[in-house]
Amino acid sequence: WPQHHLAVHLGMSPSNFGTMLKREHVLVRRALAVRAMYNALWRADPAE
């Protein structure tokens, strides 16, 4: 999964997505959104 596709899935810009992953903390609402994205995409084919 290209990172910019994941950013779009979360409604974020690619730069904000990268910054989020480098921060010392993440907000619960964002963690929940990433968890939901992971559950939806981990078995999906990115090409589709």
ModelCIF file with pLDDT and N, C-alpha, C, O atoms, coordinates in Angstrom:
data_MODEL
#
_entry.id   MODEL 
#
_entity.id                         1 
_entity.type                       polymer 
_entity.pdbx_number_of_molecules   1 
#
_entity_poly.entity_id                      1 
_entity_poly.type                           'polypeptide(L)' 
_entity_poly.nstd_linkage                   no 
_entity_poly.nstd_monomer                   no 
_entity_poly.pdbx_seq_one_letter_code       WPQHHLAVHLGMSPSNFGTMLKREHVLVRRALAVRAMYNALWRADPAE 
_entity_poly.pdbx_seq_one_letter_code_can   WPQHHLAVHLGMSPSNFGTMLKREHVLVRRALAVRAMYNALWRADPAE 
_entity_poly.pdbx_strand_id                 A 
#
loop_
_entity_poly_seq.entity_id 
_entity_poly_seq.num 
_entity_poly_seq.mon_id 
_entity_poly_seq.hetero 
1 1  TRP n 
1 2  PRO n 
1 3  GLN n 
1 4  HIS n 
1 5  HIS n 
1 6  LEU n 
1 7  ALA n 
1 8  VAL n 
1 9  HIS n 
1 10 LEU n 
1 11 GLY n 
1 12 MET n 
1 13 SER n 
1 14 PRO n 
1 15 SER n 
1 16 ASN n 
1 17 PHE n 
1 18 GLY n 
1 19 THR n 
1 20 MET n 
1 21 LEU n 
1 22 LYS n 
1 23 ARG n 
1 24 GLU n 
1 25 HIS n 
1 26 VAL n 
1 27 LEU n 
1 28 VAL n 
1 29 ARG n 
1 30 ARG n 
1 31 ALA n 
1 32 LEU n 
1 33 ALA n 
1 34 VAL n 
1 35 ARG n 
1 36 ALA n 
1 37 MET n 
1 38 TYR n 
1 39 ASN n 
1 40 ALA n 
1 41 LEU n 
1 42 TRP n 
1 43 ARG n 
1 44 ALA n 
1 45 ASP n 
1 46 PRO n 
1 47 ALA n 
1 48 GLU n 
#
_struct_asym.id          A 
_struct_asym.entity_id   1 
#
loop_
_ma_qa_metric.id 
_ma_qa_metric.mode 
_ma_qa_metric.name 
_ma_qa_metric.software_group_id 
_ma_qa_metric.type 
1 global pLDDT . pLDDT 
2 local  pLDDT . pLDDT 
#
_ma_qa_metric_global.metric_id      1 
_ma_qa_metric_global.metric_value   93.92 
_ma_qa_metric_global.model_id       1 
_ma_qa_metric_global.ordinal_id     1 
#
loop_
_ma_qa_metric_local.label_asym_id 
_ma_qa_metric_local.label_comp_id 
_ma_qa_metric_local.label_seq_id 
_ma_qa_metric_local.metric_id 
_ma_qa_metric_local.metric_value 
_ma_qa_metric_local.model_id 
_ma_qa_metric_local.ordinal_id 
A TRP 1  2 97.00 1 1  
A PRO 2  2 97.00 1 2  
A GLN 3  2 96.00 1 3  
A HIS 4  2 95.00 1 4  
A HIS 5  2 95.00 1 5  
A LEU 6  2 96.00 1 6  
A ALA 7  2 96.00 1 7  
A VAL 8  2 95.00 1 8  
A HIS 9  2 94.00 1 9  
A LEU 10 2 95.00 1 10 
A GLY 11 2 94.00 1 11 
A MET 12 2 93.00 1 12 
A SER 13 2 93.00 1 13 
A PRO 14 2 90.00 1 14 
A SER 15 2 91.00 1 15 
A ASN 16 2 92.00 1 16 
A PHE 17 2 93.00 1 17 
A GLY 18 2 89.00 1 18 
A THR 19 2 92.00 1 19 
A MET 20 2 91.00 1 20 
A LEU 21 2 88.00 1 21 
A LYS 22 2 91.00 1 22 
A ARG 23 2 92.00 1 23 
A GLU 24 2 92.00 1 24 
A HIS 25 2 92.00 1 25 
A VAL 26 2 94.00 1 26 
A LEU 27 2 92.00 1 27 
A VAL 28 2 91.00 1 28 
A ARG 29 2 93.00 1 29 
A ARG 30 2 95.00 1 30 
A ALA 31 2 94.00 1 31 
A LEU 32 2 95.00 1 32 
A ALA 33 2 96.00 1 33 
A VAL 34 2 96.00 1 34 
A ARG 35 2 95.00 1 35 
A ALA 36 2 96.00 1 36 
A MET 37 2 97.00 1 37 
A TYR 38 2 96.00 1 38 
A ASN 39 2 95.00 1 39 
A ALA 40 2 95.00 1 40 
A LEU 41 2 96.00 1 41 
A TRP 42 2 95.00 1 42 
A ARG 43 2 93.00 1 43 
A ALA 44 2 95.00 1 44 
A ASP 45 2 95.00 1 45 
A PRO 46 2 96.00 1 46 
A ALA 47 2 95.00 1 47 
A GLU 48 2 94.00 1 48 
#
loop_
_atom_site.group_PDB 
_atom_site.id 
_atom_site.type_symbol 
_atom_site.label_atom_id 
_atom_site.label_alt_id 
_atom_site.label_comp_id 
_atom_site.label_asym_id 
_atom_site.label_entity_id 
_atom_site.label_seq_id 
_atom_site.pdbx_PDB_ins_code 
_atom_site.Cartn_x 
_atom_site.Cartn_y 
_atom_site.Cartn_z 
_atom_site.occupancy 
_atom_site.B_iso_or_equiv 
_atom_site.pdbx_formal_charge 
_atom_site.auth_seq_id 
_atom_site.auth_comp_id 
_atom_site.auth_asym_id 
_atom_site.auth_atom_id 
_atom_site.pdbx_PDB_model_num 
ATOM 1   N N  . TRP A 1 1  ? 0.842   -1.193 0.000  1.00 97.00 ? 1  TRP A N  1 
ATOM 2   C CA . TRP A 1 1  ? 0.000   0.000  0.000  1.00 97.00 ? 1  TRP A CA 1 
ATOM 3   C C  . TRP A 1 1  ? 0.879   1.246  0.000  1.00 97.00 ? 1  TRP A C  1 
ATOM 4   O O  . TRP A 1 1  ? 1.588   1.488  0.977  1.00 97.00 ? 1  TRP A O  1 
ATOM 5   N N  . PRO A 1 2  ? 0.853   2.044  -1.068 1.00 97.00 ? 2  PRO A N  1 
ATOM 6   C CA . PRO A 1 2  ? 1.605   3.302  -1.065 1.00 97.00 ? 2  PRO A CA 1 
ATOM 7   C C  . PRO A 1 2  ? 1.095   4.224  0.043  1.00 97.00 ? 2  PRO A C  1 
ATOM 8   O O  . PRO A 1 2  ? -0.104  4.258  0.323  1.00 97.00 ? 2  PRO A O  1 
ATOM 9   N N  . GLN A 1 3  ? 1.991   4.958  0.661  1.00 96.00 ? 3  GLN A N  1 
ATOM 10  C CA . GLN A 1 3  ? 1.594   5.789  1.796  1.00 96.00 ? 3  GLN A CA 1 
ATOM 11  C C  . GLN A 1 3  ? 0.594   6.873  1.409  1.00 96.00 ? 3  GLN A C  1 
ATOM 12  O O  . GLN A 1 3  ? -0.258  7.249  2.213  1.00 96.00 ? 3  GLN A O  1 
ATOM 13  N N  . HIS A 1 4  ? 0.695   7.379  0.175  1.00 95.00 ? 4  HIS A N  1 
ATOM 14  C CA . HIS A 1 4  ? -0.257  8.430  -0.193 1.00 95.00 ? 4  HIS A CA 1 
ATOM 15  C C  . HIS A 1 4  ? -1.676  7.863  -0.337 1.00 95.00 ? 4  HIS A C  1 
ATOM 16  O O  . HIS A 1 4  ? -2.647  8.593  -0.139 1.00 95.00 ? 4  HIS A O  1 
ATOM 17  N N  . HIS A 1 5  ? -1.814  6.562  -0.680 1.00 95.00 ? 5  HIS A N  1 
ATOM 18  C CA . HIS A 1 5  ? -3.135  5.942  -0.719 1.00 95.00 ? 5  HIS A CA 1 
ATOM 19  C C  . HIS A 1 5  ? -3.706  5.835  0.695  1.00 95.00 ? 5  HIS A C  1 
ATOM 20  O O  . HIS A 1 5  ? -4.897  6.060  0.911  1.00 95.00 ? 5  HIS A O  1 
ATOM 21  N N  . LEU A 1 6  ? -2.850  5.492  1.650  1.00 96.00 ? 6  LEU A N  1 
ATOM 22  C CA . LEU A 1 6  ? -3.312  5.393  3.036  1.00 96.00 ? 6  LEU A CA 1 
ATOM 23  C C  . LEU A 1 6  ? -3.707  6.774  3.567  1.00 96.00 ? 6  LEU A C  1 
ATOM 24  O O  . LEU A 1 6  ? -4.684  6.913  4.303  1.00 96.00 ? 6  LEU A O  1 
ATOM 25  N N  . ALA A 1 7  ? -2.939  7.779  3.185  1.00 96.00 ? 7  ALA A N  1 
ATOM 26  C CA . ALA A 1 7  ? -3.272  9.136  3.622  1.00 96.00 ? 7  ALA A CA 1 
ATOM 27  C C  . ALA A 1 7  ? -4.636  9.556  3.091  1.00 96.00 ? 7  ALA A C  1 
ATOM 28  O O  . ALA A 1 7  ? -5.447  10.121 3.824  1.00 96.00 ? 7  ALA A O  1 
ATOM 29  N N  . VAL A 1 8  ? -4.886  9.278  1.809  1.00 95.00 ? 8  VAL A N  1 
ATOM 30  C CA . VAL A 1 8  ? -6.183  9.626  1.208  1.00 95.00 ? 8  VAL A CA 1 
ATOM 31  C C  . VAL A 1 8  ? -7.308  8.878  1.920  1.00 95.00 ? 8  VAL A C  1 
ATOM 32  O O  . VAL A 1 8  ? -8.369  9.447  2.177  1.00 95.00 ? 8  VAL A O  1 
ATOM 33  N N  . HIS A 1 9  ? -7.079  7.607  2.236  1.00 94.00 ? 9  HIS A N  1 
ATOM 34  C CA . HIS A 1 9  ? -8.088  6.817  2.937  1.00 94.00 ? 9  HIS A CA 1 
ATOM 35  C C  . HIS A 1 9  ? -8.469  7.464  4.264  1.00 94.00 ? 9  HIS A C  1 
ATOM 36  O O  . HIS A 1 9  ? -9.622  7.385  4.687  1.00 94.00 ? 9  HIS A O  1 
ATOM 37  N N  . LEU A 1 10 ? -7.504  8.102  4.920  1.00 95.00 ? 10 LEU A N  1 
ATOM 38  C CA . LEU A 1 10 ? -7.751  8.736  6.222  1.00 95.00 ? 10 LEU A CA 1 
ATOM 39  C C  . LEU A 1 10 ? -8.177  10.194 6.090  1.00 95.00 ? 10 LEU A C  1 
ATOM 40  O O  . LEU A 1 10 ? -8.454  10.857 7.090  1.00 95.00 ? 10 LEU A O  1 
ATOM 41  N N  . GLY A 1 11 ? -8.229  10.692 4.853  1.00 94.00 ? 11 GLY A N  1 
ATOM 42  C CA . GLY A 1 11 ? -8.576  12.102 4.657  1.00 94.00 ? 11 GLY A CA 1 
ATOM 43  C C  . GLY A 1 11 ? -7.457  13.034 5.054  1.00 94.00 ? 11 GLY A C  1 
ATOM 44  O O  . GLY A 1 11 ? -7.708  14.158 5.488  1.00 94.00 ? 11 GLY A O  1 
ATOM 45  N N  . MET A 1 12 ? -6.214  12.580 4.910  1.00 93.00 ? 12 MET A N  1 
ATOM 46  C CA . MET A 1 12 ? -5.057  13.365 5.288  1.00 93.00 ? 12 MET A CA 1 
ATOM 47  C C  . MET A 1 12 ? -4.190  13.628 4.062  1.00 93.00 ? 12 MET A C  1 
ATOM 48  O O  . MET A 1 12 ? -4.320  12.951 3.042  1.00 93.00 ? 12 MET A O  1 
ATOM 49  N N  . SER A 1 13 ? -3.306  14.616 4.169  1.00 93.00 ? 13 SER A N  1 
ATOM 50  C CA . SER A 1 13 ? -2.307  14.822 3.130  1.00 93.00 ? 13 SER A CA 1 
ATOM 51  C C  . SER A 1 13 ? -1.150  13.866 3.393  1.00 93.00 ? 13 SER A C  1 
ATOM 52  O O  . SER A 1 13 ? -0.929  13.484 4.542  1.00 93.00 ? 13 SER A O  1 
ATOM 53  N N  . PRO A 1 14 ? -0.407  13.467 2.366  1.00 90.00 ? 14 PRO A N  1 
ATOM 54  C CA . PRO A 1 14 ? 0.735   12.570 2.577  1.00 90.00 ? 14 PRO A CA 1 
ATOM 55  C C  . PRO A 1 14 ? 1.744   13.093 3.588  1.00 90.00 ? 14 PRO A C  1 
ATOM 56  O O  . PRO A 1 14 ? 2.312   12.316 4.356  1.00 90.00 ? 14 PRO A O  1 
ATOM 57  N N  . SER A 1 15 ? 1.975   14.413 3.597  1.00 91.00 ? 15 SER A N  1 
ATOM 58  C CA . SER A 1 15 ? 2.947   14.974 4.548  1.00 91.00 ? 15 SER A CA 1 
ATOM 59  C C  . SER A 1 15 ? 2.441   14.842 5.980  1.00 91.00 ? 15 SER A C  1 
ATOM 60  O O  . SER A 1 15 ? 3.212   14.511 6.881  1.00 91.00 ? 15 SER A O  1 
ATOM 61  N N  . ASN A 1 16 ? 1.146   15.099 6.196  1.00 92.00 ? 16 ASN A N  1 
ATOM 62  C CA . ASN A 1 16 ? 0.587   14.957 7.541  1.00 92.00 ? 16 ASN A CA 1 
ATOM 63  C C  . ASN A 1 16 ? 0.578   13.500 7.986  1.00 92.00 ? 16 ASN A C  1 
ATOM 64  O O  . ASN A 1 16 ? 0.757   13.202 9.166  1.00 92.00 ? 16 ASN A O  1 
ATOM 65  N N  . PHE A 1 17 ? 0.368   12.592 7.029  1.00 93.00 ? 17 PHE A N  1 
ATOM 66  C CA . PHE A 1 17 ? 0.378   11.172 7.353  1.00 93.00 ? 17 PHE A CA 1 
ATOM 67  C C  . PHE A 1 17 ? 1.767   10.760 7.845  1.00 93.00 ? 17 PHE A C  1 
ATOM 68  O O  . PHE A 1 17 ? 1.898   10.069 8.854  1.00 93.00 ? 17 PHE A O  1 
ATOM 69  N N  . GLY A 1 18 ? 2.797   11.191 7.122  1.00 89.00 ? 18 GLY A N  1 
ATOM 70  C CA . GLY A 1 18 ? 4.157   10.868 7.531  1.00 89.00 ? 18 GLY A CA 1 
ATOM 71  C C  . GLY A 1 18 ? 4.516   11.482 8.869  1.00 89.00 ? 18 GLY A C  1 
ATOM 72  O O  . GLY A 1 18 ? 5.192   10.853 9.683  1.00 89.00 ? 18 GLY A O  1 
ATOM 73  N N  . THR A 1 19 ? 4.066   12.711 9.103  1.00 92.00 ? 19 THR A N  1 
ATOM 74  C CA . THR A 1 19 ? 4.342   13.382 10.375 1.00 92.00 ? 19 THR A CA 1 
ATOM 75  C C  . THR A 1 19 ? 3.659   12.662 11.524 1.00 92.00 ? 19 THR A C  1 
ATOM 76  O O  . THR A 1 19 ? 4.235   12.525 12.604 1.00 92.00 ? 19 THR A O  1 
ATOM 77  N N  . MET A 1 20 ? 2.432   12.201 11.298 1.00 91.00 ? 20 MET A N  1 
ATOM 78  C CA . MET A 1 20 ? 1.694   11.487 12.339 1.00 91.00 ? 20 MET A CA 1 
ATOM 79  C C  . MET A 1 20 ? 2.471   10.271 12.830 1.00 91.00 ? 20 MET A C  1 
ATOM 80  O O  . MET A 1 20 ? 2.502   9.992  14.028 1.00 91.00 ? 20 MET A O  1 
ATOM 81  N N  . LEU A 1 21 ? 3.100   9.544  11.897 1.00 88.00 ? 21 LEU A N  1 
ATOM 82  C CA . LEU A 1 21 ? 3.801   8.318  12.257 1.00 88.00 ? 21 LEU A CA 1 
ATOM 83  C C  . LEU A 1 21 ? 5.117   8.575  12.976 1.00 88.00 ? 21 LEU A C  1 
ATOM 84  O O  . LEU A 1 21 ? 5.719   7.645  13.512 1.00 88.00 ? 21 LEU A O  1 
ATOM 85  N N  . LYS A 1 22 ? 5.572   9.826  12.995 1.00 91.00 ? 22 LYS A N  1 
ATOM 86  C CA . LYS A 1 22 ? 6.827   10.152 13.658 1.00 91.00 ? 22 LYS A CA 1 
ATOM 87  C C  . LYS A 1 22 ? 6.629   10.828 15.006 1.00 91.00 ? 22 LYS A C  1 
ATOM 88  O O  . LYS A 1 22 ? 7.593   11.033 15.744 1.00 91.00 ? 22 LYS A O  1 
ATOM 89  N N  . ARG A 1 23 ? 5.405   11.173 15.330 1.00 92.00 ? 23 ARG A N  1 
ATOM 90  C CA . ARG A 1 23 ? 5.149   11.877 16.589 1.00 92.00 ? 23 ARG A CA 1 
ATOM 91  C C  . ARG A 1 23 ? 5.248   10.946 17.791 1.00 92.00 ? 23 ARG A C  1 
ATOM 92  O O  . ARG A 1 23 ? 5.119   9.728  17.668 1.00 92.00 ? 23 ARG A O  1 
ATOM 93  N N  . GLU A 1 24 ? 5.480   11.550 18.960 1.00 92.00 ? 24 GLU A N  1 
ATOM 94  C CA . GLU A 1 24 ? 5.602   10.776 20.196 1.00 92.00 ? 24 GLU A CA 1 
ATOM 95  C C  . GLU A 1 24 ? 4.243   10.298 20.700 1.00 92.00 ? 24 GLU A C  1 
ATOM 96  O O  . GLU A 1 24 ? 4.162   9.345  21.474 1.00 92.00 ? 24 GLU A O  1 
ATOM 97  N N  . HIS A 1 25 ? 3.178   10.962 20.259 1.00 92.00 ? 25 HIS A N  1 
ATOM 98  C CA . HIS A 1 25 ? 1.829   10.564 20.655 1.00 92.00 ? 25 HIS A CA 1 
ATOM 99  C C  . HIS A 1 25 ? 0.899   10.676 19.453 1.00 92.00 ? 25 HIS A C  1 
ATOM 100 O O  . HIS A 1 25 ? 1.177   11.389 18.489 1.00 92.00 ? 25 HIS A O  1 
ATOM 101 N N  . VAL A 1 26 ? -0.198  9.960  19.540 1.00 94.00 ? 26 VAL A N  1 
ATOM 102 C CA . VAL A 1 26 ? -1.244  10.060 18.530 1.00 94.00 ? 26 VAL A CA 1 
ATOM 103 C C  . VAL A 1 26 ? -2.571  10.163 19.256 1.00 94.00 ? 26 VAL A C  1 
ATOM 104 O O  . VAL A 1 26 ? -2.743  9.573  20.323 1.00 94.00 ? 26 VAL A O  1 
ATOM 105 N N  . LEU A 1 27 ? -3.502  10.901 18.694 1.00 92.00 ? 27 LEU A N  1 
ATOM 106 C CA . LEU A 1 27 ? -4.807  11.048 19.339 1.00 92.00 ? 27 LEU A CA 1 
ATOM 107 C C  . LEU A 1 27 ? -5.626  9.779  19.159 1.00 92.00 ? 27 LEU A C  1 
ATOM 108 O O  . LEU A 1 27 ? -5.496  9.071  18.160 1.00 92.00 ? 27 LEU A O  1 
ATOM 109 N N  . VAL A 1 28 ? -6.473  9.507  20.146 1.00 91.00 ? 28 VAL A N  1 
ATOM 110 C CA . VAL A 1 28 ? -7.295  8.295  20.113 1.00 91.00 ? 28 VAL A CA 1 
ATOM 111 C C  . VAL A 1 28 ? -8.127  8.232  18.837 1.00 91.00 ? 28 VAL A C  1 
ATOM 112 O O  . VAL A 1 28 ? -8.236  7.171  18.222 1.00 91.00 ? 28 VAL A O  1 
ATOM 113 N N  . ARG A 1 29 ? -8.707  9.345  18.439 1.00 93.00 ? 29 ARG A N  1 
ATOM 114 C CA . ARG A 1 29 ? -9.559  9.328  17.243 1.00 93.00 ? 29 ARG A CA 1 
ATOM 115 C C  . ARG A 1 29 ? -8.766  8.929  16.000 1.00 93.00 ? 29 ARG A C  1 
ATOM 116 O O  . ARG A 1 29 ? -9.292  8.247  15.120 1.00 93.00 ? 29 ARG A O  1 
ATOM 117 N N  . ARG A 1 30 ? -7.509  9.348  15.926 1.00 95.00 ? 30 ARG A N  1 
ATOM 118 C CA . ARG A 1 30 ? -6.684  8.980  14.784 1.00 95.00 ? 30 ARG A CA 1 
ATOM 119 C C  . ARG A 1 30 ? -6.268  7.514  14.873 1.00 95.00 ? 30 ARG A C  1 
ATOM 120 O O  . ARG A 1 30 ? -6.224  6.810  13.864 1.00 95.00 ? 30 ARG A O  1 
ATOM 121 N N  . ALA A 1 31 ? -5.962  7.060  16.091 1.00 94.00 ? 31 ALA A N  1 
ATOM 122 C CA . ALA A 1 31 ? -5.603  5.649  16.269 1.00 94.00 ? 31 ALA A CA 1 
ATOM 123 C C  . ALA A 1 31 ? -6.772  4.750  15.885 1.00 94.00 ? 31 ALA A C  1 
ATOM 124 O O  . ALA A 1 31 ? -6.570  3.704  15.270 1.00 94.00 ? 31 ALA A O  1 
ATOM 125 N N  . LEU A 1 32 ? -7.977  5.140  16.237 1.00 95.00 ? 32 LEU A N  1 
ATOM 126 C CA . LEU A 1 32 ? -9.157  4.357  15.871 1.00 95.00 ? 32 LEU A CA 1 
ATOM 127 C C  . LEU A 1 32 ? -9.349  4.340  14.355 1.00 95.00 ? 32 LEU A C  1 
ATOM 128 O O  . LEU A 1 32 ? -9.716  3.315  13.779 1.00 95.00 ? 32 LEU A O  1 
ATOM 129 N N  . ALA A 1 33 ? -9.099  5.483  13.715 1.00 96.00 ? 33 ALA A N  1 
ATOM 130 C CA . ALA A 1 33 ? -9.247  5.553  12.259 1.00 96.00 ? 33 ALA A CA 1 
ATOM 131 C C  . ALA A 1 33 ? -8.234  4.647  11.569 1.00 96.00 ? 33 ALA A C  1 
ATOM 132 O O  . ALA A 1 33 ? -8.569  3.963  10.603 1.00 96.00 ? 33 ALA A O  1 
ATOM 133 N N  . VAL A 1 34 ? -7.002  4.640  12.059 1.00 96.00 ? 34 VAL A N  1 
ATOM 134 C CA . VAL A 1 34 ? -5.971  3.784  11.463 1.00 96.00 ? 34 VAL A CA 1 
ATOM 135 C C  . VAL A 1 34 ? -6.287  2.320  11.724 1.00 96.00 ? 34 VAL A C  1 
ATOM 136 O O  . VAL A 1 34 ? -6.065  1.474  10.857 1.00 96.00 ? 34 VAL A O  1 
ATOM 137 N N  . ARG A 1 35 ? -6.802  2.011  12.907 1.00 95.00 ? 35 ARG A N  1 
ATOM 138 C CA . ARG A 1 35 ? -7.175  0.624  13.202 1.00 95.00 ? 35 ARG A CA 1 
ATOM 139 C C  . ARG A 1 35 ? -8.278  0.157  12.267 1.00 95.00 ? 35 ARG A C  1 
ATOM 140 O O  . ARG A 1 35 ? -8.232  -0.967 11.767 1.00 95.00 ? 35 ARG A O  1 
ATOM 141 N N  . ALA A 1 36 ? -9.274  1.011  12.025 1.00 96.00 ? 36 ALA A N  1 
ATOM 142 C CA . ALA A 1 36 ? -10.361 0.655  11.113 1.00 96.00 ? 36 ALA A CA 1 
ATOM 143 C C  . ALA A 1 36 ? -9.827  0.481  9.689  1.00 96.00 ? 36 ALA A C  1 
ATOM 144 O O  . ALA A 1 36 ? -10.246 -0.428 8.973  1.00 96.00 ? 36 ALA A O  1 
ATOM 145 N N  . MET A 1 37 ? -8.910  1.348  9.284  1.00 97.00 ? 37 MET A N  1 
ATOM 146 C CA . MET A 1 37 ? -8.317  1.237  7.953  1.00 97.00 ? 37 MET A CA 1 
ATOM 147 C C  . MET A 1 37 ? -7.539  -0.074 7.831  1.00 97.00 ? 37 MET A C  1 
ATOM 148 O O  . MET A 1 37 ? -7.641  -0.769 6.820  1.00 97.00 ? 37 MET A O  1 
ATOM 149 N N  . TYR A 1 38 ? -6.782  -0.401 8.838  1.00 96.00 ? 38 TYR A N  1 
ATOM 150 C CA . TYR A 1 38 ? -5.999  -1.642 8.829  1.00 96.00 ? 38 TYR A CA 1 
ATOM 151 C C  . TYR A 1 38 ? -6.914  -2.857 8.703  1.00 96.00 ? 38 TYR A C  1 
ATOM 152 O O  . TYR A 1 38 ? -6.654  -3.759 7.906  1.00 96.00 ? 38 TYR A O  1 
ATOM 153 N N  . ASN A 1 39 ? -7.985  -2.873 9.492  1.00 95.00 ? 39 ASN A N  1 
ATOM 154 C CA . ASN A 1 39 ? -8.921  -3.999 9.442  1.00 95.00 ? 39 ASN A CA 1 
ATOM 155 C C  . ASN A 1 39 ? -9.583  -4.127 8.075  1.00 95.00 ? 39 ASN A C  1 
ATOM 156 O O  . ASN A 1 39 ? -9.924  -5.229 7.644  1.00 95.00 ? 39 ASN A O  1 
ATOM 157 N N  . ALA A 1 40 ? -9.764  -2.994 7.397  1.00 95.00 ? 40 ALA A N  1 
ATOM 158 C CA . ALA A 1 40 ? -10.425 -3.015 6.091  1.00 95.00 ? 40 ALA A CA 1 
ATOM 159 C C  . ALA A 1 40 ? -9.476  -3.374 4.951  1.00 95.00 ? 40 ALA A C  1 
ATOM 160 O O  . ALA A 1 40 ? -9.906  -3.937 3.944  1.00 95.00 ? 40 ALA A O  1 
ATOM 161 N N  . LEU A 1 41 ? -8.189  -3.053 5.099  1.00 96.00 ? 41 LEU A N  1 
ATOM 162 C CA . LEU A 1 41 ? -7.282  -3.143 3.948  1.00 96.00 ? 41 LEU A CA 1 
ATOM 163 C C  . LEU A 1 41 ? -6.222  -4.231 4.026  1.00 96.00 ? 41 LEU A C  1 
ATOM 164 O O  . LEU A 1 41 ? -5.591  -4.535 3.013  1.00 96.00 ? 41 LEU A O  1 
ATOM 165 N N  . TRP A 1 42 ? -6.006  -4.827 5.192  1.00 95.00 ? 42 TRP A N  1 
ATOM 166 C CA . TRP A 1 42 ? -4.828  -5.699 5.288  1.00 95.00 ? 42 TRP A CA 1 
ATOM 167 C C  . TRP A 1 42 ? -4.916  -6.931 4.385  1.00 95.00 ? 42 TRP A C  1 
ATOM 168 O O  . TRP A 1 42 ? -3.890  -7.500 4.011  1.00 95.00 ? 42 TRP A O  1 
ATOM 169 N N  . ARG A 1 43 ? -6.134  -7.344 4.038  1.00 93.00 ? 43 ARG A N  1 
ATOM 170 C CA . ARG A 1 43 ? -6.280  -8.478 3.117  1.00 93.00 ? 43 ARG A CA 1 
ATOM 171 C C  . ARG A 1 43 ? -6.695  -8.043 1.716  1.00 93.00 ? 43 ARG A C  1 
ATOM 172 O O  . ARG A 1 43 ? -6.894  -8.887 0.843  1.00 93.00 ? 43 ARG A O  1 
ATOM 173 N N  . ALA A 1 44 ? -6.829  -6.748 1.492  1.00 95.00 ? 44 ALA A N  1 
ATOM 174 C CA . ALA A 1 44 ? -7.273  -6.246 0.190  1.00 95.00 ? 44 ALA A CA 1 
ATOM 175 C C  . ALA A 1 44 ? -6.081  -6.097 -0.760 1.00 95.00 ? 44 ALA A C  1 
ATOM 176 O O  . ALA A 1 44 ? -4.938  -5.960 -0.323 1.00 95.00 ? 44 ALA A O  1 
ATOM 177 N N  . ASP A 1 45 ? -6.362  -6.125 -2.048 1.00 95.00 ? 45 ASP A N  1 
ATOM 178 C CA . ASP A 1 45 ? -5.339  -5.955 -3.079 1.00 95.00 ? 45 ASP A CA 1 
ATOM 179 C C  . ASP A 1 45 ? -5.226  -4.467 -3.412 1.00 95.00 ? 45 ASP A C  1 
ATOM 180 O O  . ASP A 1 45 ? -6.189  -3.877 -3.901 1.00 95.00 ? 45 ASP A O  1 
ATOM 181 N N  . PRO A 1 46 ? -4.069  -3.848 -3.157 1.00 96.00 ? 46 PRO A N  1 
ATOM 182 C CA . PRO A 1 46 ? -3.932  -2.419 -3.449 1.00 96.00 ? 46 PRO A CA 1 
ATOM 183 C C  . PRO A 1 46 ? -4.233  -2.082 -4.908 1.00 96.00 ? 46 PRO A C  1 
ATOM 184 O O  . PRO A 1 46 ? -4.728  -0.996 -5.211 1.00 96.00 ? 46 PRO A O  1 
ATOM 185 N N  . ALA A 1 47 ? -3.928  -3.027 -5.817 1.00 95.00 ? 47 ALA A N  1 
ATOM 186 C CA . ALA A 1 47 ? -4.164  -2.762 -7.243 1.00 95.00 ? 47 ALA A CA 1 
ATOM 187 C C  . ALA A 1 47 ? -5.641  -2.556 -7.529 1.00 95.00 ? 47 ALA A C  1 
ATOM 188 O O  . ALA A 1 47 ? -5.997  -1.797 -8.429 1.00 95.00 ? 47 ALA A O  1 
ATOM 189 N N  . GLU A 1 48 ? -6.502  -3.222 -6.776 1.00 94.00 ? 48 GLU A N  1 
ATOM 190 C CA . GLU A 1 48 ? -7.937  -3.078 -6.980 1.00 94.00 ? 48 GLU A CA 1 
ATOM 191 C C  . GLU A 1 48 ? -8.467  -1.758 -6.427 1.00 94.00 ? 48 GLU A C  1 
ATOM 192 O O  . GLU A 1 48 ? -9.664  -1.486 -6.521 1.00 94.00 ? 48 GLU A O  1 
#
